[in-house]
Amino acid sequence: RAVREYIERHLDRPADHQIRAAVELSATGQHDGAIRLLAAALAEDPKYDKTRLALAKEQLEAGYIVDARQTLNGVSAQNRFDPPFKSLIARLELAEIANSDVDRATLEKRISSNPDDLPSREQLGAICFAAGENDAAMEQWLEIVRRGQGDIKDNGRENLIRSFEVLGSQDQDVTRYRRLLAQALN
């Protein structure tokens, strides 16, 4: 049994070909096509978490946040501690915070007139992160840790940790903001 599991782990499954095809579709901006392909592959092999992660990633890229959450909820317990899953969950959680009816300009205006509007800072950070402005996002969350108390302070810290998870420990911003977070907490 152990030998069979080892061999199966190293053989291509039919879904692996569909994952590669979906990556090609996605690269040309055809996210809906990639999602359809991956959903079909997942229906054929529902226990294959590699397909589930690829589908959730596509759903997230296409802005289908609720669908991505549903897809990720199905990941097996043993794979929930793997870096690809943790990174996707962190991206999803930040996207859920950013996904609001308030636009960036409104949030920036609120913060400039009231620097202690920490919920607006949290949302602005998530919007910046979704736009790839990692430094600006982490700065907002660090400011929440510096200014906040209780739950909102914890939110700032958790969002920083989520961004570290997404970006990876090799990222220069991660190294710098880890140090700044430690200083802010002491």
N, C-alpha and C. Protein backbone atom coordinates (compact mmCIF):
# COMPACT_ATOMS: atom_id res chain seq x y z
N ARG A 1 0.83 -1.19 0.00
CA ARG A 1 0.00 0.00 0.00
C ARG A 1 0.87 1.26 0.00
N ALA A 2 1.90 1.28 0.85
CA ALA A 2 2.79 2.44 0.92
C ALA A 2 3.52 2.64 -0.40
N VAL A 3 3.90 1.52 -1.04
CA VAL A 3 4.59 1.61 -2.33
C VAL A 3 3.65 2.20 -3.38
N ARG A 4 2.38 1.74 -3.40
CA ARG A 4 1.41 2.25 -4.37
C ARG A 4 1.20 3.75 -4.17
N GLU A 5 1.05 4.19 -2.91
CA GLU A 5 0.87 5.63 -2.63
C GLU A 5 2.07 6.44 -3.11
N TYR A 6 3.28 5.89 -2.90
CA TYR A 6 4.50 6.59 -3.32
C TYR A 6 4.51 6.74 -4.85
N ILE A 7 4.20 5.65 -5.54
CA ILE A 7 4.22 5.68 -7.00
C ILE A 7 3.14 6.64 -7.53
N GLU A 8 1.93 6.59 -6.95
CA GLU A 8 0.86 7.47 -7.40
C GLU A 8 1.21 8.94 -7.22
N ARG A 9 1.97 9.23 -6.16
CA ARG A 9 2.36 10.62 -5.92
C ARG A 9 3.27 11.15 -7.03
N HIS A 10 4.02 10.24 -7.66
CA HIS A 10 5.00 10.67 -8.66
C HIS A 10 4.57 10.43 -10.10
N LEU A 11 3.38 9.89 -10.29
CA LEU A 11 2.85 9.72 -11.64
C LEU A 11 1.89 10.87 -11.94
N ASP A 12 1.84 11.25 -13.21
CA ASP A 12 0.87 12.26 -13.61
C ASP A 12 -0.54 11.67 -13.52
N ARG A 13 -1.45 12.45 -12.98
CA ARG A 13 -2.86 12.07 -13.00
C ARG A 13 -3.47 12.78 -14.19
N PRO A 14 -4.61 12.30 -14.69
CA PRO A 14 -5.25 12.99 -15.82
C PRO A 14 -5.46 14.49 -15.55
N ALA A 15 -5.77 14.82 -14.31
CA ALA A 15 -6.00 16.24 -13.96
C ALA A 15 -4.76 17.10 -14.16
N ASP A 16 -3.57 16.50 -14.04
CA ASP A 16 -2.34 17.29 -14.21
C ASP A 16 -2.26 17.91 -15.61
N HIS A 17 -2.73 17.17 -16.62
CA HIS A 17 -2.74 17.71 -17.99
C HIS A 17 -3.72 18.88 -18.08
N GLN A 18 -4.87 18.73 -17.41
CA GLN A 18 -5.88 19.80 -17.43
C GLN A 18 -5.38 21.03 -16.66
N ILE A 19 -4.64 20.80 -15.60
CA ILE A 19 -4.06 21.93 -14.84
C ILE A 19 -3.10 22.70 -15.74
N ARG A 20 -2.25 21.98 -16.47
CA ARG A 20 -1.30 22.66 -17.38
C ARG A 20 -2.05 23.44 -18.47
N ALA A 21 -3.09 22.84 -19.01
CA ALA A 21 -3.88 23.53 -20.04
C ALA A 21 -4.56 24.78 -19.46
N ALA A 22 -5.03 24.67 -18.22
CA ALA A 22 -5.68 25.82 -17.56
C ALA A 22 -4.68 26.95 -17.32
N VAL A 23 -3.45 26.60 -16.96
CA VAL A 23 -2.41 27.62 -16.75
C VAL A 23 -2.16 28.38 -18.05
N GLU A 24 -2.16 27.65 -19.18
CA GLU A 24 -1.97 28.31 -20.48
C GLU A 24 -3.14 29.24 -20.80
N LEU A 25 -4.36 28.78 -20.53
CA LEU A 25 -5.54 29.64 -20.76
C LEU A 25 -5.45 30.89 -19.89
N SER A 26 -5.10 30.69 -18.65
CA SER A 26 -5.02 31.80 -17.70
C SER A 26 -3.98 32.83 -18.13
N ALA A 27 -2.87 32.34 -18.66
CA ALA A 27 -1.78 33.24 -19.10
C ALA A 27 -2.24 34.17 -20.20
N THR A 28 -3.26 33.76 -20.96
CA THR A 28 -3.79 34.62 -22.02
C THR A 28 -5.05 35.35 -21.57
N GLY A 29 -5.30 35.34 -20.25
CA GLY A 29 -6.42 36.09 -19.70
C GLY A 29 -7.76 35.36 -19.78
N GLN A 30 -7.76 34.11 -20.17
CA GLN A 30 -9.00 33.34 -20.30
C GLN A 30 -9.33 32.61 -18.98
N HIS A 31 -9.57 33.40 -17.94
CA HIS A 31 -9.80 32.82 -16.61
C HIS A 31 -11.05 31.95 -16.55
N ASP A 32 -12.14 32.38 -17.21
CA ASP A 32 -13.37 31.60 -17.17
C ASP A 32 -13.20 30.24 -17.84
N GLY A 33 -12.46 30.21 -18.93
CA GLY A 33 -12.16 28.93 -19.60
C GLY A 33 -11.33 28.03 -18.71
N ALA A 34 -10.34 28.62 -18.05
CA ALA A 34 -9.49 27.86 -17.13
C ALA A 34 -10.32 27.31 -15.97
N ILE A 35 -11.23 28.13 -15.46
CA ILE A 35 -12.09 27.71 -14.35
C ILE A 35 -12.98 26.54 -14.78
N ARG A 36 -13.57 26.63 -15.97
CA ARG A 36 -14.42 25.53 -16.47
C ARG A 36 -13.62 24.23 -16.59
N LEU A 37 -12.43 24.33 -17.14
CA LEU A 37 -11.56 23.16 -17.32
C LEU A 37 -11.20 22.53 -15.97
N LEU A 38 -10.83 23.38 -15.02
CA LEU A 38 -10.43 22.88 -13.70
C LEU A 38 -11.62 22.31 -12.92
N ALA A 39 -12.78 22.94 -13.06
CA ALA A 39 -13.98 22.44 -12.38
C ALA A 39 -14.34 21.05 -12.90
N ALA A 40 -14.20 20.85 -14.21
CA ALA A 40 -14.47 19.54 -14.80
C ALA A 40 -13.45 18.51 -14.30
N ALA A 41 -12.19 18.91 -14.24
CA ALA A 41 -11.14 18.00 -13.74
C ALA A 41 -11.39 17.63 -12.29
N LEU A 42 -11.83 18.60 -11.50
CA LEU A 42 -12.10 18.35 -10.08
C LEU A 42 -13.31 17.42 -9.92
N ALA A 43 -14.31 17.56 -10.78
CA ALA A 43 -15.49 16.68 -10.73
C ALA A 43 -15.08 15.23 -11.02
N GLU A 44 -14.10 15.04 -11.91
CA GLU A 44 -13.62 13.69 -12.25
C GLU A 44 -12.75 13.10 -11.15
N ASP A 45 -12.03 13.93 -10.41
CA ASP A 45 -11.07 13.46 -9.39
C ASP A 45 -11.18 14.39 -8.17
N PRO A 46 -12.32 14.31 -7.42
CA PRO A 46 -12.61 15.29 -6.37
C PRO A 46 -11.65 15.27 -5.18
N LYS A 47 -10.86 14.23 -5.04
CA LYS A 47 -9.94 14.15 -3.89
C LYS A 47 -8.56 14.72 -4.22
N TYR A 48 -8.36 15.20 -5.45
CA TYR A 48 -7.04 15.67 -5.87
C TYR A 48 -6.90 17.16 -5.53
N ASP A 49 -6.22 17.43 -4.43
CA ASP A 49 -6.10 18.80 -3.93
C ASP A 49 -5.31 19.72 -4.85
N LYS A 50 -4.43 19.16 -5.67
CA LYS A 50 -3.66 19.99 -6.60
C LYS A 50 -4.63 20.70 -7.57
N THR A 51 -5.65 19.99 -8.02
CA THR A 51 -6.67 20.58 -8.90
C THR A 51 -7.48 21.61 -8.12
N ARG A 52 -7.83 21.27 -6.91
CA ARG A 52 -8.62 22.17 -6.06
C ARG A 52 -7.88 23.49 -5.84
N LEU A 53 -6.57 23.42 -5.58
CA LEU A 53 -5.78 24.65 -5.37
C LEU A 53 -5.69 25.46 -6.66
N ALA A 54 -5.49 24.78 -7.79
CA ALA A 54 -5.40 25.49 -9.07
C ALA A 54 -6.73 26.19 -9.38
N LEU A 55 -7.85 25.51 -9.10
CA LEU A 55 -9.16 26.09 -9.33
C LEU A 55 -9.39 27.31 -8.43
N ALA A 56 -9.07 27.17 -7.16
CA ALA A 56 -9.25 28.30 -6.22
C ALA A 56 -8.40 29.49 -6.64
N LYS A 57 -7.18 29.23 -7.09
CA LYS A 57 -6.29 30.32 -7.53
C LYS A 57 -6.90 31.05 -8.73
N GLU A 58 -7.43 30.30 -9.69
CA GLU A 58 -8.09 30.91 -10.86
C GLU A 58 -9.32 31.70 -10.44
N GLN A 59 -10.12 31.13 -9.54
CA GLN A 59 -11.32 31.82 -9.07
C GLN A 59 -10.94 33.14 -8.40
N LEU A 60 -9.89 33.11 -7.63
CA LEU A 60 -9.42 34.32 -6.94
C LEU A 60 -8.95 35.36 -7.95
N GLU A 61 -8.17 34.91 -8.94
CA GLU A 61 -7.67 35.83 -9.98
C GLU A 61 -8.81 36.48 -10.75
N ALA A 62 -9.89 35.71 -10.97
CA ALA A 62 -11.03 36.21 -11.74
C ALA A 62 -12.00 37.02 -10.87
N GLY A 63 -11.73 37.09 -9.57
CA GLY A 63 -12.57 37.88 -8.67
C GLY A 63 -13.76 37.12 -8.11
N TYR A 64 -13.80 35.81 -8.27
CA TYR A 64 -14.89 34.99 -7.72
C TYR A 64 -14.51 34.55 -6.31
N ILE A 65 -14.57 35.49 -5.39
CA ILE A 65 -14.05 35.28 -4.04
C ILE A 65 -14.85 34.23 -3.27
N VAL A 66 -16.17 34.29 -3.37
CA VAL A 66 -17.03 33.32 -2.66
C VAL A 66 -16.77 31.91 -3.18
N ASP A 67 -16.64 31.77 -4.50
CA ASP A 67 -16.35 30.46 -5.09
C ASP A 67 -14.99 29.94 -4.64
N ALA A 68 -14.01 30.83 -4.60
CA ALA A 68 -12.67 30.42 -4.16
C ALA A 68 -12.70 29.92 -2.72
N ARG A 69 -13.46 30.60 -1.87
CA ARG A 69 -13.59 30.18 -0.46
C ARG A 69 -14.20 28.78 -0.40
N GLN A 70 -15.25 28.56 -1.18
CA GLN A 70 -15.93 27.26 -1.20
C GLN A 70 -14.97 26.17 -1.68
N THR A 71 -14.22 26.45 -2.72
CA THR A 71 -13.27 25.48 -3.26
C THR A 71 -12.21 25.14 -2.22
N LEU A 72 -11.66 26.16 -1.57
CA LEU A 72 -10.60 25.92 -0.58
C LEU A 72 -11.11 25.20 0.66
N ASN A 73 -12.40 25.39 0.98
CA ASN A 73 -12.97 24.67 2.13
C ASN A 73 -12.90 23.17 1.95
N GLY A 74 -12.81 22.70 0.69
CA GLY A 74 -12.76 21.27 0.41
C GLY A 74 -11.39 20.64 0.45
N VAL A 75 -10.34 21.43 0.70
CA VAL A 75 -8.98 20.88 0.75
C VAL A 75 -8.86 19.94 1.94
N SER A 76 -8.19 18.82 1.72
CA SER A 76 -8.06 17.81 2.77
C SER A 76 -7.26 18.35 3.95
N ALA A 77 -7.55 17.82 5.13
CA ALA A 77 -6.91 18.29 6.36
C ALA A 77 -5.39 18.17 6.28
N GLN A 78 -4.89 17.11 5.65
CA GLN A 78 -3.44 16.90 5.61
C GLN A 78 -2.71 17.95 4.76
N ASN A 79 -3.42 18.57 3.81
CA ASN A 79 -2.76 19.56 2.95
C ASN A 79 -2.98 21.01 3.41
N ARG A 80 -3.69 21.19 4.51
CA ARG A 80 -3.99 22.56 4.97
C ARG A 80 -2.77 23.26 5.58
N PHE A 81 -1.71 22.53 5.81
CA PHE A 81 -0.51 23.15 6.39
C PHE A 81 0.58 23.35 5.35
N ASP A 82 0.31 22.94 4.10
CA ASP A 82 1.28 23.10 3.03
C ASP A 82 1.35 24.57 2.61
N PRO A 83 2.55 25.06 2.28
CA PRO A 83 2.70 26.47 1.87
C PRO A 83 1.76 26.92 0.75
N PRO A 84 1.51 26.12 -0.32
CA PRO A 84 0.60 26.63 -1.36
C PRO A 84 -0.80 26.91 -0.82
N PHE A 85 -1.30 26.04 0.05
CA PHE A 85 -2.63 26.24 0.63
C PHE A 85 -2.62 27.46 1.54
N LYS A 86 -1.63 27.56 2.42
CA LYS A 86 -1.58 28.68 3.37
C LYS A 86 -1.46 30.01 2.63
N SER A 87 -0.71 30.03 1.57
CA SER A 87 -0.55 31.25 0.78
C SER A 87 -1.87 31.65 0.11
N LEU A 88 -2.57 30.66 -0.46
CA LEU A 88 -3.86 30.95 -1.11
C LEU A 88 -4.90 31.42 -0.11
N ILE A 89 -4.96 30.77 1.05
CA ILE A 89 -5.92 31.18 2.09
C ILE A 89 -5.63 32.61 2.52
N ALA A 90 -4.36 32.94 2.69
CA ALA A 90 -3.99 34.31 3.08
C ALA A 90 -4.43 35.31 2.01
N ARG A 91 -4.17 34.98 0.73
CA ARG A 91 -4.61 35.87 -0.37
C ARG A 91 -6.12 36.03 -0.37
N LEU A 92 -6.83 34.92 -0.14
CA LEU A 92 -8.29 34.95 -0.11
C LEU A 92 -8.80 35.84 1.01
N GLU A 93 -8.23 35.69 2.20
CA GLU A 93 -8.68 36.49 3.35
C GLU A 93 -8.44 37.97 3.10
N LEU A 94 -7.32 38.31 2.50
CA LEU A 94 -7.05 39.72 2.18
C LEU A 94 -8.01 40.22 1.10
N ALA A 95 -8.32 39.37 0.13
CA ALA A 95 -9.27 39.76 -0.93
C ALA A 95 -10.65 39.98 -0.34
N GLU A 96 -11.02 39.17 0.65
CA GLU A 96 -12.32 39.34 1.30
C GLU A 96 -12.40 40.69 2.02
N ILE A 97 -11.30 41.11 2.63
CA ILE A 97 -11.27 42.41 3.30
C ILE A 97 -11.33 43.54 2.26
N ALA A 98 -10.61 43.37 1.16
CA ALA A 98 -10.56 44.42 0.13
C ALA A 98 -11.88 44.54 -0.63
N ASN A 99 -12.62 43.47 -0.70
CA ASN A 99 -13.85 43.42 -1.50
C ASN A 99 -14.96 44.17 -0.77
N SER A 100 -15.01 45.47 -0.98
CA SER A 100 -16.02 46.26 -0.29
C SER A 100 -16.63 47.27 -1.25
N ASP A 101 -17.65 47.97 -0.75
CA ASP A 101 -18.32 48.95 -1.59
C ASP A 101 -17.68 50.34 -1.47
N VAL A 102 -16.61 50.43 -0.70
CA VAL A 102 -15.94 51.72 -0.52
C VAL A 102 -14.69 51.76 -1.40
N ASP A 103 -14.52 52.83 -2.14
CA ASP A 103 -13.36 52.90 -3.03
C ASP A 103 -12.14 53.48 -2.33
N ARG A 104 -11.02 53.34 -2.98
CA ARG A 104 -9.73 53.73 -2.43
C ARG A 104 -9.67 55.21 -2.07
N ALA A 105 -10.16 56.06 -2.96
CA ALA A 105 -10.09 57.51 -2.73
C ALA A 105 -10.86 57.89 -1.47
N THR A 106 -12.02 57.29 -1.27
CA THR A 106 -12.83 57.56 -0.07
C THR A 106 -12.07 57.15 1.19
N LEU A 107 -11.46 55.97 1.14
CA LEU A 107 -10.70 55.49 2.30
C LEU A 107 -9.52 56.42 2.60
N GLU A 108 -8.81 56.84 1.56
CA GLU A 108 -7.66 57.75 1.75
C GLU A 108 -8.12 59.07 2.36
N LYS A 109 -9.27 59.57 1.90
CA LYS A 109 -9.81 60.82 2.44
C LYS A 109 -10.16 60.66 3.92
N ARG A 110 -10.80 59.55 4.25
CA ARG A 110 -11.17 59.29 5.65
C ARG A 110 -9.93 59.27 6.55
N ILE A 111 -8.88 58.60 6.08
CA ILE A 111 -7.66 58.45 6.88
C ILE A 111 -6.94 59.79 7.02
N SER A 112 -6.92 60.59 5.96
CA SER A 112 -6.23 61.88 6.07
C SER A 112 -6.96 62.81 7.03
N SER A 113 -8.29 62.71 7.11
CA SER A 113 -9.01 63.57 8.06
C SER A 113 -9.06 62.94 9.46
N ASN A 114 -8.85 61.64 9.57
CA ASN A 114 -8.82 60.98 10.87
C ASN A 114 -7.83 59.81 10.82
N PRO A 115 -6.55 60.08 11.16
CA PRO A 115 -5.52 59.03 11.10
C PRO A 115 -5.83 57.80 11.98
N ASP A 116 -6.74 57.96 12.95
CA ASP A 116 -7.09 56.83 13.82
C ASP A 116 -8.28 56.02 13.31
N ASP A 117 -8.71 56.25 12.07
CA ASP A 117 -9.78 55.45 11.46
C ASP A 117 -9.15 54.12 11.01
N LEU A 118 -8.99 53.22 11.97
CA LEU A 118 -8.26 51.98 11.72
C LEU A 118 -9.01 51.00 10.82
N PRO A 119 -10.35 50.90 10.90
CA PRO A 119 -11.04 50.03 9.93
C PRO A 119 -10.81 50.48 8.48
N SER A 120 -10.77 51.79 8.25
CA SER A 120 -10.48 52.28 6.89
C SER A 120 -9.05 51.93 6.49
N ARG A 121 -8.12 52.03 7.44
CA ARG A 121 -6.73 51.64 7.16
C ARG A 121 -6.64 50.16 6.78
N GLU A 122 -7.42 49.34 7.49
CA GLU A 122 -7.39 47.90 7.21
C GLU A 122 -7.86 47.62 5.78
N GLN A 123 -8.97 48.24 5.40
CA GLN A 123 -9.50 48.07 4.04
C GLN A 123 -8.56 48.62 2.99
N LEU A 124 -8.01 49.81 3.24
CA LEU A 124 -7.08 50.41 2.29
C LEU A 124 -5.87 49.51 2.09
N GLY A 125 -5.36 48.95 3.19
CA GLY A 125 -4.23 48.03 3.08
C GLY A 125 -4.56 46.84 2.19
N ALA A 126 -5.75 46.28 2.36
CA ALA A 126 -6.15 45.12 1.56
C ALA A 126 -6.30 45.50 0.09
N ILE A 127 -6.83 46.69 -0.18
CA ILE A 127 -6.97 47.16 -1.56
C ILE A 127 -5.59 47.36 -2.20
N CYS A 128 -4.67 47.96 -1.43
CA CYS A 128 -3.30 48.15 -1.93
C CYS A 128 -2.64 46.80 -2.22
N PHE A 129 -2.83 45.85 -1.30
CA PHE A 129 -2.20 44.53 -1.48
C PHE A 129 -2.75 43.86 -2.73
N ALA A 130 -4.06 43.94 -2.94
CA ALA A 130 -4.67 43.34 -4.13
C ALA A 130 -4.13 43.98 -5.40
N ALA A 131 -3.73 45.26 -5.31
CA ALA A 131 -3.19 45.97 -6.48
C ALA A 131 -1.68 45.75 -6.64
N GLY A 132 -1.09 44.92 -5.76
CA GLY A 132 0.34 44.65 -5.86
C GLY A 132 1.22 45.69 -5.18
N GLU A 133 0.60 46.61 -4.44
CA GLU A 133 1.35 47.65 -3.72
C GLU A 133 1.61 47.15 -2.30
N ASN A 134 2.51 46.16 -2.21
CA ASN A 134 2.74 45.46 -0.95
C ASN A 134 3.25 46.38 0.15
N ASP A 135 4.18 47.26 -0.19
CA ASP A 135 4.76 48.16 0.81
C ASP A 135 3.68 49.07 1.39
N ALA A 136 2.85 49.65 0.53
CA ALA A 136 1.78 50.55 0.99
C ALA A 136 0.80 49.80 1.88
N ALA A 137 0.48 48.56 1.51
CA ALA A 137 -0.44 47.74 2.29
C ALA A 137 0.14 47.46 3.68
N MET A 138 1.38 47.01 3.71
CA MET A 138 2.00 46.65 4.99
C MET A 138 2.17 47.87 5.88
N GLU A 139 2.38 49.02 5.27
CA GLU A 139 2.50 50.26 6.05
C GLU A 139 1.18 50.57 6.77
N GLN A 140 0.06 50.40 6.07
CA GLN A 140 -1.25 50.63 6.70
C GLN A 140 -1.47 49.67 7.87
N TRP A 141 -1.17 48.41 7.67
CA TRP A 141 -1.40 47.42 8.72
C TRP A 141 -0.46 47.62 9.91
N LEU A 142 0.76 48.04 9.62
CA LEU A 142 1.70 48.33 10.71
C LEU A 142 1.20 49.52 11.53
N GLU A 143 0.64 50.49 10.85
CA GLU A 143 0.10 51.67 11.54
C GLU A 143 -1.07 51.27 12.45
N ILE A 144 -1.86 50.27 12.02
CA ILE A 144 -2.94 49.76 12.87
C ILE A 144 -2.37 49.14 14.14
N VAL A 145 -1.28 48.38 13.99
CA VAL A 145 -0.63 47.76 15.15
C VAL A 145 -0.11 48.85 16.09
N ARG A 146 0.46 49.91 15.52
CA ARG A 146 1.02 51.00 16.34
C ARG A 146 -0.06 51.79 17.08
N ARG A 147 -1.18 52.06 16.40
CA ARG A 147 -2.23 52.93 16.95
C ARG A 147 -3.34 52.18 17.69
N GLY A 148 -3.55 50.91 17.32
CA GLY A 148 -4.73 50.20 17.77
C GLY A 148 -4.59 49.51 19.12
N GLN A 149 -5.75 49.05 19.59
CA GLN A 149 -5.84 48.26 20.82
C GLN A 149 -6.75 47.08 20.53
N GLY A 150 -6.58 46.00 21.24
CA GLY A 150 -7.51 44.87 21.17
C GLY A 150 -7.63 44.23 19.80
N ASP A 151 -8.88 43.99 19.39
CA ASP A 151 -9.15 43.24 18.16
C ASP A 151 -8.61 43.92 16.92
N ILE A 152 -8.76 45.22 16.80
CA ILE A 152 -8.30 45.91 15.58
C ILE A 152 -6.78 45.82 15.48
N LYS A 153 -6.09 45.92 16.62
CA LYS A 153 -4.62 45.75 16.62
C LYS A 153 -4.26 44.35 16.14
N ASP A 154 -5.02 43.35 16.62
CA ASP A 154 -4.80 41.96 16.19
C ASP A 154 -5.04 41.82 14.68
N ASN A 155 -6.06 42.52 14.16
CA ASN A 155 -6.32 42.47 12.72
C ASN A 155 -5.12 42.97 11.93
N GLY A 156 -4.53 44.07 12.38
CA GLY A 156 -3.35 44.62 11.71
C GLY A 156 -2.21 43.61 11.69
N ARG A 157 -1.98 42.99 12.85
CA ARG A 157 -0.91 41.99 12.96
C ARG A 157 -1.21 40.79 12.06
N GLU A 158 -2.46 40.31 12.09
CA GLU A 158 -2.84 39.15 11.27
C GLU A 158 -2.71 39.45 9.77
N ASN A 159 -3.08 40.66 9.37
CA ASN A 159 -2.95 41.01 7.95
C ASN A 159 -1.49 41.08 7.53
N LEU A 160 -0.63 41.57 8.40
CA LEU A 160 0.80 41.56 8.09
C LEU A 160 1.28 40.13 7.94
N ILE A 161 0.88 39.25 8.86
CA ILE A 161 1.31 37.85 8.79
C ILE A 161 0.77 37.18 7.52
N ARG A 162 -0.48 37.50 7.15
CA ARG A 162 -1.03 36.96 5.89
C ARG A 162 -0.18 37.41 4.70
N SER A 163 0.19 38.68 4.69
CA SER A 163 0.99 39.17 3.57
C SER A 163 2.36 38.49 3.56
N PHE A 164 2.93 38.22 4.73
CA PHE A 164 4.21 37.50 4.79
C PHE A 164 4.05 36.11 4.17
N GLU A 165 2.91 35.47 4.48
CA GLU A 165 2.60 34.13 3.98
C GLU A 165 2.52 34.13 2.45
N VAL A 166 1.87 35.15 1.90
CA VAL A 166 1.69 35.24 0.45
C VAL A 166 3.02 35.54 -0.24
N LEU A 167 3.78 36.48 0.31
CA LEU A 167 5.00 36.94 -0.36
C LEU A 167 6.19 36.02 -0.15
N GLY A 168 6.22 35.28 0.96
CA GLY A 168 7.33 34.37 1.23
C GLY A 168 8.46 35.06 1.97
N SER A 169 9.23 34.28 2.68
CA SER A 169 10.25 34.84 3.58
C SER A 169 11.44 35.46 2.84
N GLN A 170 11.57 35.20 1.54
CA GLN A 170 12.70 35.77 0.79
C GLN A 170 12.45 37.22 0.38
N ASP A 171 11.20 37.66 0.44
CA ASP A 171 10.83 39.01 0.00
C ASP A 171 11.45 40.06 0.93
N GLN A 172 12.03 41.11 0.35
CA GLN A 172 12.69 42.16 1.14
C GLN A 172 11.71 42.91 2.04
N ASP A 173 10.50 43.18 1.52
CA ASP A 173 9.50 43.86 2.34
C ASP A 173 9.13 43.02 3.55
N VAL A 174 9.05 41.71 3.36
CA VAL A 174 8.70 40.82 4.47
C VAL A 174 9.75 40.92 5.57
N THR A 175 11.01 40.86 5.19
CA THR A 175 12.09 40.96 6.17
C THR A 175 11.99 42.27 6.95
N ARG A 176 11.81 43.37 6.23
CA ARG A 176 11.74 44.69 6.86
C ARG A 176 10.52 44.81 7.77
N TYR A 177 9.35 44.40 7.28
CA TYR A 177 8.13 44.55 8.07
C TYR A 177 8.04 43.57 9.23
N ARG A 178 8.70 42.42 9.12
CA ARG A 178 8.77 41.52 10.28
C ARG A 178 9.48 42.23 11.43
N ARG A 179 10.58 42.88 11.09
CA ARG A 179 11.36 43.61 12.09
C ARG A 179 10.54 44.77 12.68
N LEU A 180 9.88 45.53 11.81
CA LEU A 180 9.07 46.66 12.27
C LEU A 180 7.88 46.19 13.13
N LEU A 181 7.29 45.05 12.74
CA LEU A 181 6.18 44.50 13.52
C LEU A 181 6.68 44.11 14.93
N ALA A 182 7.82 43.45 14.97
CA ALA A 182 8.38 43.06 16.29
C ALA A 182 8.62 44.30 17.16
N GLN A 183 9.14 45.38 16.56
CA GLN A 183 9.37 46.62 17.31
C GLN A 183 8.05 47.21 17.80
N ALA A 184 7.05 47.20 16.94
CA ALA A 184 5.75 47.79 17.30
C ALA A 184 5.07 47.00 18.42
N LEU A 185 5.31 45.71 18.47
CA LEU A 185 4.67 44.88 19.49
C LEU A 185 5.40 44.93 20.84
N ASN A 186 6.64 45.39 20.82
CA ASN A 186 7.41 45.45 22.07
C ASN A 186 7.32 46.80 22.76
